[in-house]
Amino acid sequence: MPNICIHGLCINGQGSYQCYCKPGYTGDSCDQDIDECLSSPCKNGGTCQNLENNYECTCIEGFEGKDCSININECASNPCSAGSTCVDGIASYKCVCQEGLSGPHCEINIDDCESQPCAHGGRCTDALNGYACDCAGTGYTGASCELNIDECASQPCRNGGSCFDDVNDYRCACYAAFTGESRSTSRLAWPKDNNVSRQYIYGGKEMCCSIAKAGQQGNG
């Protein structure tokens, strides 16, 4: 007797029979394969292949899982440099860099010295999102060597001499009774102050510390 129930179990009855189909089959003779792909179980553009009582999804790039419902986290491998933020996409990611960094993975330290921020000959050292200026020997100070150092702040001109600040230097205007220390000292007349005559010592950092003898015009 032929197998009436092709993919099932046949049960005899009085003048009849009944087929009990295996999972995945239907029909009076259990001869019809149920297409599990008809319900579109594969998500996010996945392709469905019908199997016996089952299906298989082929996922597009960026998704995984039985139904292609899981977005693969491309940020899980920490592709962005430390301190930067990874934003996951579909089969991709984007790095949001912290200040001072650039590049696809925020791997490039931006050269903050490229714009030459250190004025007046200061030497620039690049840092992360910043720079440091070495102003030594320039006569200037400040974050960008922008402030002229007041060499008169230490009151280097003695015996009542007046100090005039210069760049990395100063000059003293001495009373007539005093002179400076430089051998190249020259003198210029200075207006009287309270009837006391002064002379301008014009040279290198004279300090008005030597008492000038009568008729003396300097140490040079």
N, C-alpha and C. Protein backbone atom coordinates (compact mmCIF):
# COMPACT_ATOMS: atom_id res chain seq x y z
N MET A 1 0.85 -1.19 0.00
CA MET A 1 0.00 0.00 0.00
C MET A 1 0.88 1.24 0.00
N PRO A 2 0.63 2.11 -0.94
CA PRO A 2 1.46 3.32 -1.00
C PRO A 2 1.28 4.17 0.24
N ASN A 3 2.34 4.97 0.54
CA ASN A 3 2.29 5.87 1.68
C ASN A 3 1.45 7.07 1.30
N ILE A 4 0.26 7.10 1.85
CA ILE A 4 -0.65 8.20 1.50
C ILE A 4 -0.18 9.51 2.12
N CYS A 5 0.26 9.44 3.33
CA CYS A 5 0.74 10.65 4.04
C CYS A 5 2.25 10.76 3.79
N ILE A 6 2.63 11.62 2.82
CA ILE A 6 4.01 11.66 2.35
C ILE A 6 4.98 12.08 3.45
N HIS A 7 4.64 13.14 4.15
CA HIS A 7 5.50 13.63 5.24
C HIS A 7 4.70 13.66 6.54
N GLY A 8 4.08 12.51 6.82
CA GLY A 8 3.28 12.46 8.02
C GLY A 8 2.95 11.04 8.43
N LEU A 9 2.09 10.94 9.41
CA LEU A 9 1.66 9.65 9.94
C LEU A 9 0.20 9.42 9.57
N CYS A 10 -0.07 8.23 9.00
CA CYS A 10 -1.42 7.91 8.56
C CYS A 10 -2.14 7.08 9.63
N ILE A 11 -3.31 7.52 10.00
CA ILE A 11 -4.12 6.80 10.98
C ILE A 11 -5.40 6.33 10.28
N ASN A 12 -5.61 4.98 10.30
CA ASN A 12 -6.80 4.41 9.68
C ASN A 12 -8.04 4.67 10.52
N GLY A 13 -9.14 4.83 9.82
CA GLY A 13 -10.43 4.95 10.46
C GLY A 13 -11.42 4.05 9.74
N GLN A 14 -12.71 4.11 10.10
CA GLN A 14 -13.71 3.29 9.43
C GLN A 14 -13.98 3.88 8.05
N GLY A 15 -13.43 3.20 7.04
CA GLY A 15 -13.62 3.63 5.67
C GLY A 15 -12.89 4.91 5.32
N SER A 16 -11.94 5.32 6.18
CA SER A 16 -11.20 6.57 5.90
C SER A 16 -9.83 6.53 6.59
N TYR A 17 -9.10 7.62 6.48
CA TYR A 17 -7.80 7.75 7.15
C TYR A 17 -7.57 9.25 7.44
N GLN A 18 -6.60 9.49 8.26
CA GLN A 18 -6.24 10.87 8.57
C GLN A 18 -4.72 10.98 8.65
N CYS A 19 -4.20 12.03 8.01
CA CYS A 19 -2.74 12.27 8.04
C CYS A 19 -2.38 13.27 9.14
N TYR A 20 -1.40 12.91 9.92
CA TYR A 20 -0.83 13.83 10.91
C TYR A 20 0.57 14.22 10.41
N CYS A 21 0.67 15.48 9.95
CA CYS A 21 1.89 15.93 9.26
C CYS A 21 3.03 16.23 10.21
N LYS A 22 4.23 16.00 9.70
CA LYS A 22 5.44 16.41 10.42
C LYS A 22 5.51 17.94 10.46
N PRO A 23 6.18 18.50 11.45
CA PRO A 23 6.35 19.95 11.49
C PRO A 23 6.99 20.45 10.21
N GLY A 24 6.43 21.50 9.65
CA GLY A 24 6.95 22.08 8.42
C GLY A 24 6.19 21.66 7.19
N TYR A 25 5.20 20.76 7.35
CA TYR A 25 4.42 20.30 6.20
C TYR A 25 2.93 20.45 6.49
N THR A 26 2.19 20.53 5.42
CA THR A 26 0.74 20.67 5.53
C THR A 26 0.10 19.99 4.32
N GLY A 27 -1.24 20.04 4.25
CA GLY A 27 -1.98 19.42 3.15
C GLY A 27 -2.61 18.11 3.57
N ASP A 28 -3.60 17.68 2.79
CA ASP A 28 -4.30 16.43 3.13
C ASP A 28 -3.35 15.25 3.17
N SER A 29 -2.32 15.29 2.31
CA SER A 29 -1.37 14.18 2.27
C SER A 29 0.00 14.60 2.83
N CYS A 30 0.02 15.73 3.52
CA CYS A 30 1.28 16.26 4.10
C CYS A 30 2.35 16.41 3.02
N ASP A 31 1.90 16.83 1.84
CA ASP A 31 2.83 16.94 0.72
C ASP A 31 3.28 18.38 0.44
N GLN A 32 2.80 19.34 1.21
CA GLN A 32 3.13 20.75 0.98
C GLN A 32 4.09 21.27 2.06
N ASP A 33 5.22 21.74 1.59
CA ASP A 33 6.22 22.31 2.51
C ASP A 33 5.77 23.71 2.93
N ILE A 34 5.67 23.93 4.22
CA ILE A 34 5.31 25.26 4.72
C ILE A 34 6.50 26.19 4.51
N ASP A 35 6.29 27.33 3.85
CA ASP A 35 7.37 28.30 3.59
C ASP A 35 7.51 29.23 4.79
N GLU A 36 8.51 28.95 5.61
CA GLU A 36 8.71 29.77 6.81
C GLU A 36 9.18 31.19 6.49
N CYS A 37 9.54 31.44 5.24
CA CYS A 37 9.98 32.79 4.85
C CYS A 37 8.81 33.71 4.53
N LEU A 38 7.59 33.14 4.43
CA LEU A 38 6.43 33.97 4.08
C LEU A 38 6.15 35.03 5.13
N SER A 39 6.54 34.78 6.35
CA SER A 39 6.30 35.75 7.43
C SER A 39 7.39 36.82 7.51
N SER A 40 8.33 36.77 6.56
CA SER A 40 9.45 37.76 6.51
C SER A 40 10.16 37.87 7.86
N PRO A 41 10.73 36.77 8.31
CA PRO A 41 11.38 36.80 9.63
C PRO A 41 12.73 37.52 9.63
N CYS A 42 13.35 37.69 8.48
CA CYS A 42 14.69 38.31 8.42
C CYS A 42 14.55 39.83 8.39
N LYS A 43 15.12 40.49 9.37
CA LYS A 43 15.01 41.94 9.50
C LYS A 43 16.19 42.65 8.85
N ASN A 44 16.05 43.97 8.74
CA ASN A 44 17.15 44.87 8.32
C ASN A 44 17.79 44.46 6.99
N GLY A 45 16.93 44.06 6.04
CA GLY A 45 17.42 43.76 4.71
C GLY A 45 18.03 42.39 4.54
N GLY A 46 17.87 41.51 5.55
CA GLY A 46 18.41 40.16 5.44
C GLY A 46 17.64 39.32 4.42
N THR A 47 18.30 38.32 3.83
CA THR A 47 17.69 37.44 2.83
C THR A 47 17.32 36.11 3.48
N CYS A 48 16.07 35.66 3.22
CA CYS A 48 15.57 34.44 3.86
C CYS A 48 15.64 33.24 2.92
N GLN A 49 16.12 32.12 3.46
CA GLN A 49 16.13 30.86 2.72
C GLN A 49 15.25 29.85 3.47
N ASN A 50 14.25 29.30 2.79
CA ASN A 50 13.34 28.35 3.41
C ASN A 50 14.02 27.00 3.57
N LEU A 51 13.84 26.41 4.75
CA LEU A 51 14.36 25.07 5.04
C LEU A 51 13.21 24.21 5.54
N GLU A 52 13.48 22.94 5.77
CA GLU A 52 12.44 22.07 6.30
C GLU A 52 12.16 22.44 7.75
N ASN A 53 10.93 22.95 7.95
CA ASN A 53 10.50 23.38 9.28
C ASN A 53 11.44 24.43 9.88
N ASN A 54 12.04 25.23 9.01
CA ASN A 54 13.00 26.22 9.53
C ASN A 54 13.29 27.24 8.42
N TYR A 55 14.12 28.18 8.74
CA TYR A 55 14.57 29.16 7.75
C TYR A 55 15.97 29.63 8.16
N GLU A 56 16.64 30.24 7.22
CA GLU A 56 17.98 30.76 7.51
C GLU A 56 18.11 32.15 6.90
N CYS A 57 18.60 33.10 7.70
CA CYS A 57 18.77 34.48 7.24
C CYS A 57 20.23 34.76 6.89
N THR A 58 20.43 35.38 5.76
CA THR A 58 21.75 35.89 5.38
C THR A 58 21.71 37.41 5.59
N CYS A 59 22.45 37.89 6.59
CA CYS A 59 22.36 39.30 6.99
C CYS A 59 23.26 40.18 6.14
N ILE A 60 22.84 41.43 5.96
CA ILE A 60 23.71 42.40 5.31
C ILE A 60 24.78 42.84 6.30
N GLU A 61 25.82 43.50 5.78
CA GLU A 61 26.94 43.92 6.62
C GLU A 61 26.45 44.86 7.72
N GLY A 62 26.88 44.59 8.92
CA GLY A 62 26.54 45.44 10.06
C GLY A 62 25.49 44.84 10.97
N PHE A 63 24.86 43.70 10.55
CA PHE A 63 23.84 43.06 11.37
C PHE A 63 24.17 41.59 11.55
N GLU A 64 23.63 41.02 12.63
CA GLU A 64 23.83 39.61 12.93
C GLU A 64 22.64 39.10 13.72
N GLY A 65 22.66 37.79 14.04
CA GLY A 65 21.59 37.16 14.80
C GLY A 65 20.71 36.30 13.91
N LYS A 66 19.89 35.46 14.55
CA LYS A 66 18.99 34.55 13.84
C LYS A 66 18.12 35.29 12.84
N ASP A 67 17.60 36.47 13.23
CA ASP A 67 16.71 37.25 12.37
C ASP A 67 17.38 38.53 11.85
N CYS A 68 18.72 38.62 11.97
CA CYS A 68 19.46 39.83 11.55
C CYS A 68 18.95 41.06 12.29
N SER A 69 18.54 40.87 13.52
CA SER A 69 17.95 41.98 14.29
C SER A 69 18.96 42.69 15.17
N ILE A 70 20.20 42.18 15.22
CA ILE A 70 21.20 42.77 16.12
C ILE A 70 22.18 43.63 15.31
N ASN A 71 22.24 44.90 15.66
CA ASN A 71 23.21 45.81 15.04
C ASN A 71 24.58 45.56 15.66
N ILE A 72 25.54 45.17 14.83
CA ILE A 72 26.89 44.90 15.34
C ILE A 72 27.49 46.21 15.85
N ASN A 73 28.02 46.18 17.05
CA ASN A 73 28.62 47.38 17.66
C ASN A 73 30.07 47.51 17.22
N GLU A 74 30.30 48.35 16.21
CA GLU A 74 31.67 48.55 15.71
C GLU A 74 32.54 49.31 16.71
N CYS A 75 31.93 49.88 17.74
CA CYS A 75 32.70 50.60 18.76
C CYS A 75 33.25 49.66 19.84
N ALA A 76 32.83 48.38 19.79
CA ALA A 76 33.24 47.45 20.84
C ALA A 76 34.74 47.25 20.88
N SER A 77 35.41 47.44 19.75
CA SER A 77 36.87 47.25 19.71
C SER A 77 37.64 48.50 20.12
N ASN A 78 36.91 49.54 20.56
CA ASN A 78 37.53 50.80 20.99
C ASN A 78 38.47 51.37 19.93
N PRO A 79 37.95 51.67 18.73
CA PRO A 79 38.83 52.15 17.66
C PRO A 79 39.30 53.59 17.82
N CYS A 80 38.62 54.37 18.66
CA CYS A 80 38.98 55.78 18.84
C CYS A 80 40.00 55.91 19.97
N SER A 81 40.89 56.88 19.84
CA SER A 81 41.94 57.07 20.85
C SER A 81 41.33 57.42 22.20
N ALA A 82 42.11 57.19 23.24
CA ALA A 82 41.65 57.41 24.61
C ALA A 82 41.16 58.84 24.79
N GLY A 83 40.01 58.98 25.45
CA GLY A 83 39.45 60.30 25.70
C GLY A 83 38.49 60.76 24.64
N SER A 84 38.44 60.07 23.50
CA SER A 84 37.52 60.43 22.43
C SER A 84 36.28 59.54 22.51
N THR A 85 35.21 59.94 21.81
CA THR A 85 33.93 59.24 21.88
C THR A 85 33.64 58.53 20.56
N CYS A 86 33.26 57.26 20.65
CA CYS A 86 32.91 56.48 19.46
C CYS A 86 31.39 56.43 19.32
N VAL A 87 30.89 56.77 18.12
CA VAL A 87 29.46 56.72 17.82
C VAL A 87 29.23 55.60 16.81
N ASP A 88 28.47 54.57 17.23
CA ASP A 88 28.23 53.42 16.37
C ASP A 88 27.23 53.75 15.28
N GLY A 89 27.48 53.22 14.08
CA GLY A 89 26.55 53.35 12.96
C GLY A 89 26.22 51.98 12.41
N ILE A 90 25.69 51.92 11.20
CA ILE A 90 25.41 50.64 10.55
C ILE A 90 26.62 50.25 9.72
N ALA A 91 27.31 49.22 10.15
CA ALA A 91 28.54 48.75 9.51
C ALA A 91 29.60 49.85 9.47
N SER A 92 29.53 50.76 10.45
CA SER A 92 30.51 51.85 10.49
C SER A 92 30.52 52.45 11.89
N TYR A 93 31.43 53.39 12.08
CA TYR A 93 31.48 54.14 13.34
C TYR A 93 32.10 55.50 13.05
N LYS A 94 31.95 56.41 13.98
CA LYS A 94 32.53 57.75 13.85
C LYS A 94 33.16 58.14 15.17
N CYS A 95 34.37 58.67 15.10
CA CYS A 95 35.06 59.12 16.31
C CYS A 95 34.84 60.62 16.50
N VAL A 96 34.35 61.00 17.66
CA VAL A 96 34.23 62.41 18.04
C VAL A 96 35.43 62.73 18.92
N CYS A 97 36.37 63.50 18.38
CA CYS A 97 37.66 63.72 19.05
C CYS A 97 37.55 64.73 20.18
N GLN A 98 38.36 64.52 21.21
CA GLN A 98 38.49 65.54 22.23
C GLN A 98 39.30 66.70 21.67
N GLU A 99 39.20 67.85 22.32
CA GLU A 99 39.90 69.05 21.85
C GLU A 99 41.39 68.78 21.73
N GLY A 100 41.95 69.18 20.60
CA GLY A 100 43.39 69.03 20.40
C GLY A 100 43.78 67.83 19.56
N LEU A 101 42.80 66.96 19.21
CA LEU A 101 43.08 65.77 18.41
C LEU A 101 42.26 65.80 17.12
N SER A 102 42.75 65.11 16.10
CA SER A 102 42.04 64.99 14.84
C SER A 102 42.39 63.65 14.20
N GLY A 103 41.80 63.38 13.02
CA GLY A 103 42.06 62.12 12.33
C GLY A 103 40.89 61.16 12.47
N PRO A 104 40.81 60.14 11.60
CA PRO A 104 39.70 59.18 11.64
C PRO A 104 39.55 58.49 12.99
N HIS A 105 40.66 58.27 13.68
CA HIS A 105 40.63 57.62 14.99
C HIS A 105 41.10 58.56 16.09
N CYS A 106 41.11 59.87 15.78
CA CYS A 106 41.57 60.88 16.75
C CYS A 106 43.01 60.59 17.18
N GLU A 107 43.80 60.12 16.22
CA GLU A 107 45.17 59.71 16.53
C GLU A 107 46.19 60.81 16.29
N ILE A 108 45.76 61.96 15.76
CA ILE A 108 46.69 63.03 15.41
C ILE A 108 46.59 64.17 16.42
N ASN A 109 47.71 64.49 17.06
CA ASN A 109 47.76 65.64 17.97
C ASN A 109 47.94 66.91 17.15
N ILE A 110 46.96 67.80 17.20
CA ILE A 110 47.03 69.04 16.43
C ILE A 110 48.19 69.88 16.94
N ASP A 111 49.02 70.39 16.02
CA ASP A 111 50.19 71.20 16.38
C ASP A 111 49.73 72.62 16.69
N ASP A 112 49.60 72.92 17.98
CA ASP A 112 49.15 74.25 18.38
C ASP A 112 50.25 75.30 18.23
N CYS A 113 51.47 74.86 17.91
CA CYS A 113 52.56 75.81 17.67
C CYS A 113 52.62 76.25 16.21
N GLU A 114 51.81 75.62 15.34
CA GLU A 114 51.89 75.92 13.92
C GLU A 114 51.58 77.39 13.63
N SER A 115 50.69 77.98 14.43
CA SER A 115 50.31 79.38 14.21
C SER A 115 51.32 80.35 14.81
N GLN A 116 52.42 79.83 15.39
CA GLN A 116 53.47 80.65 15.99
C GLN A 116 52.88 81.61 17.03
N PRO A 117 52.29 81.06 18.10
CA PRO A 117 51.62 81.91 19.09
C PRO A 117 52.57 82.64 20.03
N CYS A 118 53.81 82.20 20.10
CA CYS A 118 54.76 82.82 21.03
C CYS A 118 55.38 84.05 20.37
N ALA A 119 55.13 85.21 20.95
CA ALA A 119 55.61 86.47 20.39
C ALA A 119 57.05 86.75 20.82
N HIS A 120 57.66 87.70 20.15
CA HIS A 120 58.97 88.27 20.52
C HIS A 120 60.06 87.21 20.65
N GLY A 121 60.02 86.21 19.77
CA GLY A 121 61.09 85.22 19.75
C GLY A 121 60.96 84.12 20.79
N GLY A 122 59.82 84.04 21.48
CA GLY A 122 59.63 82.96 22.45
C GLY A 122 59.60 81.61 21.77
N ARG A 123 60.06 80.57 22.46
CA ARG A 123 60.12 79.22 21.91
C ARG A 123 58.87 78.43 22.32
N CYS A 124 58.22 77.84 21.32
CA CYS A 124 56.93 77.17 21.53
C CYS A 124 57.11 75.66 21.66
N THR A 125 56.45 75.08 22.66
CA THR A 125 56.39 73.63 22.84
C THR A 125 54.94 73.19 22.78
N ASP A 126 54.62 72.29 21.85
CA ASP A 126 53.24 71.85 21.66
C ASP A 126 52.81 70.94 22.79
N ALA A 127 51.52 71.03 23.17
CA ALA A 127 50.92 70.15 24.17
C ALA A 127 49.56 69.71 23.62
N LEU A 128 48.84 68.89 24.38
CA LEU A 128 47.52 68.45 23.96
C LEU A 128 46.53 69.59 24.15
N ASN A 129 46.00 70.10 23.04
CA ASN A 129 45.07 71.22 23.06
C ASN A 129 45.67 72.45 23.73
N GLY A 130 46.93 72.70 23.47
CA GLY A 130 47.57 73.87 24.05
C GLY A 130 49.04 73.94 23.67
N TYR A 131 49.72 74.89 24.25
CA TYR A 131 51.14 75.07 24.00
C TYR A 131 51.75 75.78 25.20
N ALA A 132 53.07 75.75 25.26
CA ALA A 132 53.80 76.47 26.31
C ALA A 132 54.89 77.29 25.66
N CYS A 133 55.01 78.54 26.07
CA CYS A 133 56.03 79.44 25.53
C CYS A 133 57.17 79.60 26.53
N ASP A 134 58.39 79.42 26.04
CA ASP A 134 59.59 79.69 26.84
C ASP A 134 60.08 81.09 26.45
N CYS A 135 59.89 82.04 27.35
CA CYS A 135 60.21 83.44 27.06
C CYS A 135 61.60 83.84 27.56
N ALA A 136 62.39 82.86 28.03
CA ALA A 136 63.68 83.18 28.64
C ALA A 136 64.57 83.97 27.69
N GLY A 137 65.13 85.06 28.20
CA GLY A 137 66.08 85.86 27.43
C GLY A 137 65.46 86.84 26.46
N THR A 138 64.12 86.86 26.36
CA THR A 138 63.47 87.76 25.40
C THR A 138 63.14 89.12 26.00
N GLY A 139 63.08 89.19 27.33
CA GLY A 139 62.65 90.42 27.97
C GLY A 139 61.14 90.52 28.10
N TYR A 140 60.46 89.44 27.74
CA TYR A 140 59.00 89.42 27.81
C TYR A 140 58.54 88.24 28.67
N THR A 141 57.29 88.31 29.12
CA THR A 141 56.69 87.25 29.91
C THR A 141 55.23 87.11 29.49
N GLY A 142 54.49 86.23 30.17
CA GLY A 142 53.09 85.97 29.81
C GLY A 142 52.95 84.67 29.06
N ALA A 143 51.70 84.23 28.91
CA ALA A 143 51.42 82.94 28.27
C ALA A 143 51.98 82.88 26.85
N SER A 144 51.99 84.02 26.16
CA SER A 144 52.49 84.07 24.79
C SER A 144 53.66 85.04 24.65
N CYS A 145 54.36 85.29 25.74
CA CYS A 145 55.50 86.23 25.74
C CYS A 145 55.06 87.61 25.22
N GLU A 146 53.87 88.01 25.61
CA GLU A 146 53.31 89.26 25.09
C GLU A 146 53.53 90.45 26.03
N LEU A 147 53.99 90.19 27.25
CA LEU A 147 54.13 91.26 28.24
C LEU A 147 55.59 91.64 28.42
N ASN A 148 55.91 92.90 28.23
CA ASN A 148 57.27 93.39 28.43
C ASN A 148 57.59 93.38 29.92
N ILE A 149 58.67 92.71 30.29
CA ILE A 149 59.08 92.67 31.70
C ILE A 149 59.59 94.05 32.11
N ASP A 150 59.10 94.54 33.22
CA ASP A 150 59.53 95.86 33.72
C ASP A 150 60.82 95.69 34.50
N GLU A 151 61.95 95.93 33.82
CA GLU A 151 63.24 95.81 34.50
C GLU A 151 63.44 96.87 35.57
N CYS A 152 62.58 97.88 35.58
CA CYS A 152 62.67 98.91 36.62
C CYS A 152 61.96 98.50 37.91
N ALA A 153 61.22 97.38 37.86
CA ALA A 153 60.44 96.97 39.04
C ALA A 153 61.33 96.70 40.24
N SER A 154 62.57 96.26 40.01
CA SER A 154 63.49 95.98 41.12
C SER A 154 64.21 97.24 41.60
N GLN A 155 63.87 98.40 41.03
CA GLN A 155 64.48 99.69 41.40
C GLN A 155 66.01 99.62 41.34
N PRO A 156 66.55 99.34 40.16
CA PRO A 156 68.00 99.18 40.05
C PRO A 156 68.78 100.50 40.11
N CYS A 157 68.14 101.62 39.85
CA CYS A 157 68.84 102.92 39.84
C CYS A 157 68.94 103.45 41.26
N ARG A 158 70.15 103.59 41.74
CA ARG A 158 70.38 103.97 43.14
C ARG A 158 70.50 105.48 43.30
N ASN A 159 70.57 105.88 44.56
CA ASN A 159 70.82 107.28 44.92
C ASN A 159 69.86 108.25 44.24
N GLY A 160 68.58 107.84 44.16
CA GLY A 160 67.56 108.72 43.63
C GLY A 160 67.48 108.78 42.14
N GLY A 161 68.25 107.97 41.42
CA GLY A 161 68.19 107.97 39.96
C GLY A 161 66.84 107.49 39.46
N SER A 162 66.42 108.02 38.32
CA SER A 162 65.14 107.63 37.71
C SER A 162 65.38 106.52 36.69
N CYS A 163 64.51 105.51 36.71
CA CYS A 163 64.66 104.33 35.85
C CYS A 163 63.69 104.40 34.67
N PHE A 164 64.21 104.07 33.48
CA PHE A 164 63.39 104.02 32.28
C PHE A 164 63.50 102.61 31.69
N ASP A 165 62.34 101.93 31.63
CA ASP A 165 62.32 100.54 31.16
C ASP A 165 62.53 100.47 29.66
N ASP A 166 63.22 99.40 29.24
CA ASP A 166 63.43 99.11 27.83
C ASP A 166 63.16 97.63 27.63
N VAL A 167 63.33 97.13 26.43
CA VAL A 167 63.13 95.71 26.17
C VAL A 167 64.36 94.94 26.64
N ASN A 168 64.16 94.11 27.68
CA ASN A 168 65.25 93.32 28.25
C ASN A 168 66.39 94.21 28.73
N ASP A 169 66.08 95.43 29.16
CA ASP A 169 67.11 96.39 29.55
C ASP A 169 66.43 97.52 30.32
N TYR A 170 67.24 98.41 30.89
CA TYR A 170 66.72 99.63 31.51
C TYR A 170 67.81 100.69 31.44
N ARG A 171 67.43 101.93 31.67
CA ARG A 171 68.39 103.04 31.67
C ARG A 171 68.09 103.93 32.86
N CYS A 172 69.16 104.50 33.42
CA CYS A 172 69.03 105.33 34.61
C CYS A 172 69.33 106.80 34.29
N ALA A 173 68.53 107.70 34.84
CA ALA A 173 68.83 109.13 34.82
C ALA A 173 69.35 109.49 36.20
N CYS A 174 70.65 109.82 36.31
CA CYS A 174 71.31 110.01 37.60
C CYS A 174 71.39 111.49 37.97
N TYR A 175 71.44 111.76 39.26
CA TYR A 175 71.76 113.11 39.72
C TYR A 175 73.20 113.42 39.33
N ALA A 176 73.50 114.71 39.18
CA ALA A 176 74.81 115.12 38.68
C ALA A 176 75.95 114.63 39.55
N ALA A 177 75.69 114.40 40.83
CA ALA A 177 76.76 113.99 41.73
C ALA A 177 77.13 112.52 41.58
N PHE A 178 76.34 111.77 40.80
CA PHE A 178 76.58 110.34 40.67
C PHE A 178 76.77 109.98 39.21
N THR A 179 77.43 108.86 39.01
CA THR A 179 77.64 108.39 37.64
C THR A 179 77.38 106.89 37.60
N GLY A 180 77.48 106.33 36.40
CA GLY A 180 77.20 104.91 36.24
C GLY A 180 78.45 104.08 36.23
N GLU A 181 78.28 102.80 35.92
CA GLU A 181 79.38 101.86 35.98
C GLU A 181 79.95 101.51 34.62
N SER A 182 79.23 101.79 33.55
CA SER A 182 79.69 101.39 32.23
C SER A 182 80.82 102.27 31.74
N ARG A 183 81.81 101.66 31.15
CA ARG A 183 82.93 102.42 30.61
C ARG A 183 82.53 103.21 29.37
N SER A 184 81.44 102.82 28.75
CA SER A 184 80.99 103.52 27.55
C SER A 184 79.97 104.60 27.88
N THR A 185 79.91 104.99 29.16
CA THR A 185 78.91 105.95 29.60
C THR A 185 79.08 107.29 28.91
N SER A 186 78.00 107.86 28.44
CA SER A 186 77.98 109.23 27.95
C SER A 186 76.91 109.98 28.73
N ARG A 187 77.00 111.31 28.73
CA ARG A 187 76.08 112.09 29.55
C ARG A 187 75.34 113.09 28.69
N LEU A 188 74.07 113.27 29.02
CA LEU A 188 73.26 114.29 28.39
C LEU A 188 72.66 115.17 29.48
N ALA A 189 72.47 116.47 29.17
CA ALA A 189 71.90 117.38 30.16
C ALA A 189 70.47 116.97 30.48
N TRP A 190 70.08 117.11 31.72
CA TRP A 190 68.74 116.77 32.19
C TRP A 190 68.14 118.00 32.85
N PRO A 191 66.86 118.29 32.65
CA PRO A 191 66.25 119.48 33.26
C PRO A 191 66.40 119.46 34.78
N LYS A 192 66.49 120.66 35.36
CA LYS A 192 66.63 120.77 36.81
C LYS A 192 65.35 120.34 37.50
N ASP A 193 65.51 119.64 38.60
CA ASP A 193 64.39 119.18 39.40
C ASP A 193 64.59 119.73 40.80
N ASN A 194 63.74 120.68 41.21
CA ASN A 194 63.91 121.34 42.52
C ASN A 194 65.30 121.96 42.63
N ASN A 195 65.72 122.58 41.51
CA ASN A 195 67.01 123.28 41.47
C ASN A 195 68.20 122.34 41.63
N VAL A 196 67.97 121.01 41.48
CA VAL A 196 69.07 120.04 41.55
C VAL A 196 69.31 119.53 40.13
N SER A 197 70.50 119.76 39.62
CA SER A 197 70.79 119.35 38.25
C SER A 197 71.01 117.85 38.18
N ARG A 198 70.44 117.21 37.13
CA ARG A 198 70.65 115.78 36.90
C ARG A 198 71.22 115.60 35.51
N GLN A 199 71.86 114.49 35.32
CA GLN A 199 72.36 114.14 34.00
C GLN A 199 71.92 112.72 33.65
N TYR A 200 71.69 112.47 32.34
CA TYR A 200 71.19 111.18 31.88
C TYR A 200 72.35 110.29 31.50
N ILE A 201 72.53 109.23 32.24
CA ILE A 201 73.57 108.26 31.93
C ILE A 201 73.01 107.34 30.85
N TYR A 202 73.50 107.44 29.64
CA TYR A 202 72.93 106.74 28.49
C TYR A 202 73.88 105.64 28.07
N GLY A 203 73.61 104.44 28.53
CA GLY A 203 74.50 103.34 28.21
C GLY A 203 73.93 102.05 28.74
N GLY A 204 74.79 101.13 29.16
CA GLY A 204 74.32 99.81 29.53
C GLY A 204 74.13 99.61 31.02
N LYS A 205 72.92 99.69 31.50
CA LYS A 205 72.53 99.34 32.86
C LYS A 205 73.37 100.03 33.93
N GLU A 206 73.62 101.35 33.77
CA GLU A 206 74.30 102.08 34.83
C GLU A 206 73.35 102.22 36.01
N MET A 207 73.89 102.25 37.20
CA MET A 207 73.06 102.21 38.40
C MET A 207 73.19 103.45 39.27
N CYS A 208 73.92 104.52 38.80
CA CYS A 208 74.06 105.75 39.57
C CYS A 208 74.65 105.48 40.95
N CYS A 209 75.69 104.64 40.98
CA CYS A 209 76.20 104.24 42.28
C CYS A 209 77.54 104.88 42.62
N SER A 210 78.22 105.49 41.62
CA SER A 210 79.53 106.08 41.89
C SER A 210 79.40 107.58 42.01
N ILE A 211 80.06 108.17 43.01
CA ILE A 211 80.04 109.62 43.18
C ILE A 211 81.03 110.23 42.20
N ALA A 212 80.53 111.13 41.35
CA ALA A 212 81.38 111.76 40.35
C ALA A 212 82.19 112.89 40.98
N LYS A 213 83.48 112.95 40.68
CA LYS A 213 84.31 114.04 41.16
C LYS A 213 84.02 115.29 40.35
N ALA A 214 84.41 116.43 40.89
CA ALA A 214 84.14 117.71 40.24
C ALA A 214 84.73 117.70 38.84
N GLY A 215 83.90 118.04 37.85
CA GLY A 215 84.34 118.12 36.47
C GLY A 215 84.37 116.81 35.76
N GLN A 216 84.06 115.68 36.46
CA GLN A 216 84.10 114.35 35.83
C GLN A 216 82.86 114.15 34.96
N GLN A 217 83.03 113.54 33.79
CA GLN A 217 81.92 113.32 32.85
C GLN A 217 81.56 111.83 32.74
N GLY A 218 82.04 111.02 33.65
CA GLY A 218 81.71 109.60 33.59
C GLY A 218 82.95 108.78 33.81
N ASN A 219 82.78 107.46 33.85
CA ASN A 219 83.89 106.55 34.09
C ASN A 219 84.59 106.13 32.82
N GLY A 220 84.04 106.48 31.63
CA GLY A 220 84.60 106.00 30.38
C GLY A 220 85.68 106.92 29.87
